[in-house]
Amino acid sequence: MVFDLSDTLKVYNAHRNLTKTIKYATGTINSSLSQTLLDQHLSILLSHKMEDIYAWTINFFALQKGDRFEIVYEQLTIDDTINAGVGNILNATFVHKNNNFNAFSFETPEGWTEFYDENGKSLRKSFLMAPLKTYRISSKFQRNRFHPVQKRWKAHLGTDYAAPRGTPIWSTADGIIEVAKYGKYNGNFVKVRHNSTFSTQYLHMSKIAKGIRKGVHVKQGQTIGYVGSTGLATGPHVCYRFWKNRSQVDP
């Protein structure tokens, strides 16, 4: 989309030839991944793309000095002269804590590009469908719901799973405990950070599981608490909240 302000205002769509060139890059981390790329005059977008690929296998907040990477990626240019950024990463190797993490791109028959390791296993790990075994959904994620306690219309940015008091509540994916405490409205609750993109939260627990505290690593399916009705709640349930890029979304 071109906005031409040179004389009278003109706005129009323009199409230019886009060329993809296969490039190779490697680097060793001294301070951060982004700084390593900048030191080599590489696009910072490569950092974001690597973080997306390895979102389930590498904690990019915990990179160590000496970690290193190798990538093969697409360099984009317009009319073979103008730098237009980077395209897809085709394959990558990231060495973190002396462990090799390989990633190979593959386009599925449906047209999606996914990344797999050297054994053909997907790097993407799914979440559990629900944070507990026995349940019924008593209230869905909705932008406007009549609150049963406060008696007013407001957003309900979570999914309520009703279950018997004391039912174990699971972390729906691997992660690190970010918060585990009591709140006036949330009751006993736990928040888990899974990676730089996703976090989940579990509200109204009767009690938090033993050993669950800030900084503790938890595994997918691990019990982190038990169903209750602490805080602003009318009956035993867990309010499951799901963050993507710091915004609450419908899981």
Protein backbone atom coordinates (compact mmCIF):
# COMPACT_ATOMS: atom_id res chain seq x y z
CA MET A 1 0.00 0.00 0.00
CA VAL A 2 1.61 3.25 -1.14
CA PHE A 3 0.79 6.71 0.27
CA ASP A 4 2.27 9.23 -2.17
CA LEU A 5 2.61 12.68 -0.55
CA SER A 6 4.96 14.20 -3.13
CA ASP A 7 2.31 16.42 -4.78
CA THR A 8 -1.40 15.71 -4.40
CA LEU A 9 -2.28 12.80 -2.15
CA LYS A 10 -2.38 9.45 -3.98
CA VAL A 11 -3.01 6.09 -2.35
CA TYR A 12 -2.72 2.86 -4.32
CA ASN A 13 -1.67 -0.79 -4.19
CA ALA A 14 1.64 -1.69 -5.82
CA HIS A 15 3.18 -5.07 -6.55
CA ARG A 16 6.92 -5.72 -6.73
CA ASN A 17 8.81 -8.90 -7.49
CA LEU A 18 9.90 -10.70 -4.34
CA THR A 19 12.99 -12.92 -4.46
CA LYS A 20 13.90 -15.60 -1.90
CA THR A 21 17.56 -16.48 -1.39
CA ILE A 22 18.65 -19.31 0.91
CA LYS A 23 21.06 -18.07 3.61
CA TYR A 24 23.02 -19.71 6.42
CA ALA A 25 23.90 -18.13 9.76
CA THR A 26 25.53 -19.28 12.98
CA GLY A 27 26.34 -17.61 16.27
CA THR A 28 27.33 -18.07 19.90
CA ILE A 29 25.40 -16.41 22.72
CA ASN A 30 27.35 -13.96 24.88
CA SER A 31 24.51 -11.92 26.38
CA SER A 32 21.26 -12.56 24.48
CA LEU A 33 20.06 -14.07 21.22
CA SER A 34 18.91 -10.73 19.83
CA GLN A 35 22.25 -9.06 20.64
CA THR A 36 24.15 -11.91 18.98
CA LEU A 37 22.10 -11.40 15.80
CA LEU A 38 22.63 -7.62 15.88
CA ASP A 39 26.38 -8.08 16.35
CA GLN A 40 26.41 -10.09 13.09
CA HIS A 41 24.16 -7.59 11.27
CA LEU A 42 21.38 -10.16 11.02
CA SER A 43 17.68 -9.40 11.21
CA ILE A 44 16.17 -9.31 14.70
CA LEU A 45 13.17 -11.11 13.19
CA LEU A 46 15.24 -14.29 13.20
CA SER A 47 15.16 -14.15 16.99
CA HIS A 48 11.36 -14.10 17.05
CA LYS A 49 11.15 -16.92 14.51
CA MET A 50 13.55 -19.11 16.51
CA GLU A 51 11.59 -18.43 19.69
CA ASP A 52 8.39 -19.56 17.94
CA ILE A 53 10.02 -22.76 16.67
CA TYR A 54 11.52 -23.72 20.02
CA ALA A 55 8.67 -22.39 22.19
CA TRP A 56 8.10 -25.83 23.75
CA THR A 57 11.69 -27.02 24.12
CA ILE A 58 13.88 -24.04 25.07
CA ASN A 59 13.28 -21.33 27.67
CA PHE A 60 14.73 -18.27 25.92
CA PHE A 61 14.65 -16.38 29.22
CA ALA A 62 17.30 -18.79 30.50
CA LEU A 63 19.85 -18.90 27.66
CA GLN A 64 23.42 -19.34 28.86
CA LYS A 65 26.67 -17.86 27.66
CA GLY A 66 28.13 -20.34 25.18
CA ASP A 67 24.79 -21.56 23.82
CA ARG A 68 24.90 -21.46 20.03
CA PHE A 69 22.74 -21.81 16.94
CA GLU A 70 22.88 -22.65 13.24
CA ILE A 71 20.03 -21.77 10.89
CA VAL A 72 19.16 -21.99 7.22
CA TYR A 73 16.59 -19.36 6.29
CA GLU A 74 15.07 -17.36 3.44
CA GLN A 75 16.36 -13.83 2.76
CA LEU A 76 13.76 -11.69 0.99
CA THR A 77 14.57 -8.94 -1.52
CA ILE A 78 12.49 -6.73 -3.80
CA ASP A 79 13.63 -6.53 -7.43
CA ASP A 80 16.86 -8.26 -6.31
CA THR A 81 18.11 -5.06 -4.67
CA ILE A 82 15.94 -3.91 -1.75
CA ASN A 83 16.16 -5.81 1.53
CA ALA A 84 12.64 -6.96 2.50
CA GLY A 85 13.49 -8.88 5.66
CA VAL A 86 13.49 -12.62 6.23
CA GLY A 87 11.10 -15.37 5.26
CA ASN A 88 10.83 -18.82 6.80
CA ILE A 89 13.50 -20.68 8.72
CA LEU A 90 13.99 -23.97 6.88
CA ASN A 91 15.99 -25.82 9.51
CA ALA A 92 17.86 -25.01 12.69
CA THR A 93 20.07 -26.43 15.39
CA PHE A 94 20.17 -24.80 18.81
CA VAL A 95 22.70 -25.98 21.40
CA HIS A 96 21.41 -25.15 24.88
CA LYS A 97 23.07 -26.44 28.07
CA ASN A 98 25.16 -28.75 25.85
CA ASN A 99 22.03 -30.38 24.40
CA ASN A 100 21.31 -30.27 20.67
CA PHE A 101 17.80 -29.27 19.62
CA ASN A 102 17.25 -29.87 15.90
CA ALA A 103 14.32 -28.45 13.94
CA PHE A 104 13.34 -29.33 10.37
CA SER A 105 10.44 -27.59 8.63
CA PHE A 106 7.85 -29.62 6.76
CA GLU A 107 4.71 -28.46 4.97
CA THR A 108 1.72 -30.65 5.77
CA PRO A 109 -0.85 -31.64 3.10
CA GLU A 110 -3.16 -29.02 4.65
CA GLY A 111 -0.61 -26.30 3.91
CA TRP A 112 0.64 -25.77 7.47
CA THR A 113 4.37 -25.53 8.15
CA GLU A 114 5.39 -27.53 11.22
CA PHE A 115 8.80 -28.30 12.74
CA TYR A 116 10.05 -31.76 13.64
CA ASP A 117 13.17 -33.15 15.29
CA GLU A 118 15.57 -35.65 13.71
CA ASN A 119 13.27 -38.52 14.76
CA GLY A 120 10.24 -37.02 13.04
CA LYS A 121 8.56 -35.94 16.28
CA SER A 122 6.73 -32.62 16.30
CA LEU A 123 8.33 -29.86 18.39
CA ARG A 124 4.85 -28.60 19.25
CA LYS A 125 3.40 -29.98 22.48
CA SER A 126 -0.34 -29.69 22.96
CA PHE A 127 -2.17 -28.68 26.09
CA LEU A 128 -4.46 -31.05 27.94
CA MET A 129 -8.07 -30.59 26.91
CA ALA A 130 -9.06 -29.76 30.48
CA PRO A 131 -7.27 -29.19 33.81
CA LEU A 132 -9.06 -32.08 35.55
CA LYS A 133 -10.45 -35.54 34.81
CA THR A 134 -14.09 -35.40 35.95
CA TYR A 135 -15.93 -32.22 35.15
CA ARG A 136 -18.67 -30.33 33.38
CA ILE A 137 -18.33 -26.84 31.92
CA SER A 138 -20.54 -24.61 34.06
CA SER A 139 -19.59 -21.31 32.44
CA LYS A 140 -17.79 -20.63 29.17
CA PHE A 141 -15.36 -17.87 28.19
CA GLN A 142 -17.51 -14.87 27.26
CA ARG A 143 -17.14 -11.13 26.94
CA ASN A 144 -20.37 -10.36 28.82
CA ARG A 145 -21.84 -12.58 31.54
CA PHE A 146 -24.12 -11.88 34.51
CA HIS A 147 -21.92 -12.55 37.54
CA PRO A 148 -23.75 -14.83 40.03
CA VAL A 149 -22.12 -13.21 43.09
CA GLN A 150 -21.63 -9.57 42.10
CA LYS A 151 -25.04 -9.46 40.34
CA ARG A 152 -23.82 -7.41 37.40
CA TRP A 153 -22.80 -7.92 33.79
CA LYS A 154 -19.05 -8.23 33.19
CA ALA A 155 -16.54 -10.18 31.11
CA HIS A 156 -15.78 -13.76 32.14
CA LEU A 157 -12.31 -14.37 30.72
CA GLY A 158 -12.06 -17.99 31.78
CA THR A 159 -13.73 -21.38 31.52
CA ASP A 160 -15.38 -22.77 34.65
CA TYR A 161 -15.14 -26.53 35.21
CA ALA A 162 -17.52 -27.70 37.95
CA ALA A 163 -16.34 -30.78 39.83
CA PRO A 164 -16.59 -32.32 43.32
CA ARG A 165 -14.63 -30.54 46.03
CA GLY A 166 -11.13 -32.00 46.34
CA THR A 167 -10.87 -33.15 42.70
CA PRO A 168 -7.20 -32.89 41.65
CA ILE A 169 -6.40 -29.97 39.30
CA TRP A 170 -3.66 -30.57 36.72
CA SER A 171 -1.24 -28.24 34.98
CA THR A 172 -2.27 -28.52 31.34
CA ALA A 173 1.33 -28.30 30.08
CA ASP A 174 4.93 -28.23 31.34
CA GLY A 175 5.97 -24.94 32.90
CA ILE A 176 7.21 -22.90 35.84
CA ILE A 177 5.01 -21.75 38.73
CA GLU A 178 4.72 -17.97 38.48
CA VAL A 179 2.22 -17.40 41.32
CA ALA A 180 0.80 -19.67 44.03
CA LYS A 181 -1.12 -17.80 46.72
CA TYR A 182 -4.49 -16.64 48.07
CA GLY A 183 -6.35 -13.67 46.58
CA LYS A 184 -9.55 -11.96 47.73
CA TYR A 185 -11.42 -12.72 44.50
CA ASN A 186 -9.40 -15.61 43.06
CA GLY A 187 -9.20 -17.57 46.29
CA ASN A 188 -6.34 -20.06 46.34
CA PHE A 189 -4.88 -19.92 42.84
CA VAL A 190 -1.87 -20.94 40.78
CA LYS A 191 -0.46 -19.38 37.62
CA VAL A 192 1.93 -21.33 35.38
CA ARG A 193 4.19 -19.83 32.68
CA HIS A 194 4.68 -22.40 29.92
CA ASN A 195 6.92 -20.38 27.60
CA SER A 196 7.30 -16.83 26.31
CA THR A 197 3.87 -17.04 24.62
CA PHE A 198 1.52 -19.07 26.85
CA SER A 199 0.50 -19.00 30.53
CA THR A 200 -2.41 -20.62 32.38
CA GLN A 201 -4.13 -19.87 35.68
CA TYR A 202 -6.27 -22.02 38.00
CA LEU A 203 -8.63 -20.26 40.46
CA HIS A 204 -10.80 -21.03 43.54
CA MET A 205 -8.84 -24.06 44.77
CA SER A 206 -9.74 -25.57 48.14
CA LYS A 207 -5.98 -25.81 48.67
CA ILE A 208 -2.76 -25.61 46.67
CA ALA A 209 -0.88 -28.90 46.31
CA LYS A 210 2.11 -29.57 48.54
CA GLY A 211 5.38 -28.26 47.10
CA ILE A 212 3.71 -25.94 44.58
CA ARG A 213 5.32 -22.52 44.99
CA LYS A 214 6.86 -19.79 42.83
CA GLY A 215 9.79 -20.99 40.70
CA VAL A 216 8.94 -24.71 40.85
CA HIS A 217 8.95 -26.65 37.55
CA VAL A 218 5.80 -28.68 36.90
CA LYS A 219 5.03 -31.32 34.29
CA GLN A 220 1.96 -31.66 32.11
CA GLY A 221 -0.70 -33.52 34.09
CA GLN A 222 0.92 -32.85 37.48
CA THR A 223 -1.49 -32.05 40.33
CA ILE A 224 -1.08 -28.43 41.40
CA GLY A 225 -4.17 -28.04 43.59
CA TYR A 226 -7.67 -29.25 44.40
CA VAL A 227 -11.13 -28.05 43.42
CA GLY A 228 -12.83 -25.74 45.90
CA SER A 229 -14.86 -22.55 46.13
CA THR A 230 -12.48 -20.08 47.78
CA GLY A 231 -12.64 -16.43 46.75
CA LEU A 232 -15.57 -15.13 44.70
CA ALA A 233 -17.34 -18.42 43.94
CA THR A 234 -20.78 -19.96 44.54
CA GLY A 235 -19.81 -23.63 44.34
CA PRO A 236 -16.85 -25.97 43.84
CA HIS A 237 -15.17 -25.45 40.47
CA VAL A 238 -11.91 -24.36 38.87
CA CYS A 239 -11.84 -21.24 36.72
CA TYR A 240 -9.25 -22.00 34.03
CA ARG A 241 -7.68 -18.95 32.39
CA PHE A 242 -5.44 -19.00 29.36
CA TRP A 243 -2.98 -16.29 28.23
CA LYS A 244 -1.47 -15.92 24.77
CA ASN A 245 1.01 -13.05 24.34
CA ARG A 246 -0.22 -11.56 27.66
CA SER A 247 -3.87 -11.43 26.55
CA GLN A 248 -6.54 -13.73 27.94
CA VAL A 249 -8.11 -15.88 25.22
CA ASP A 250 -10.58 -18.73 24.99
CA PRO A 251 -8.58 -21.98 25.38
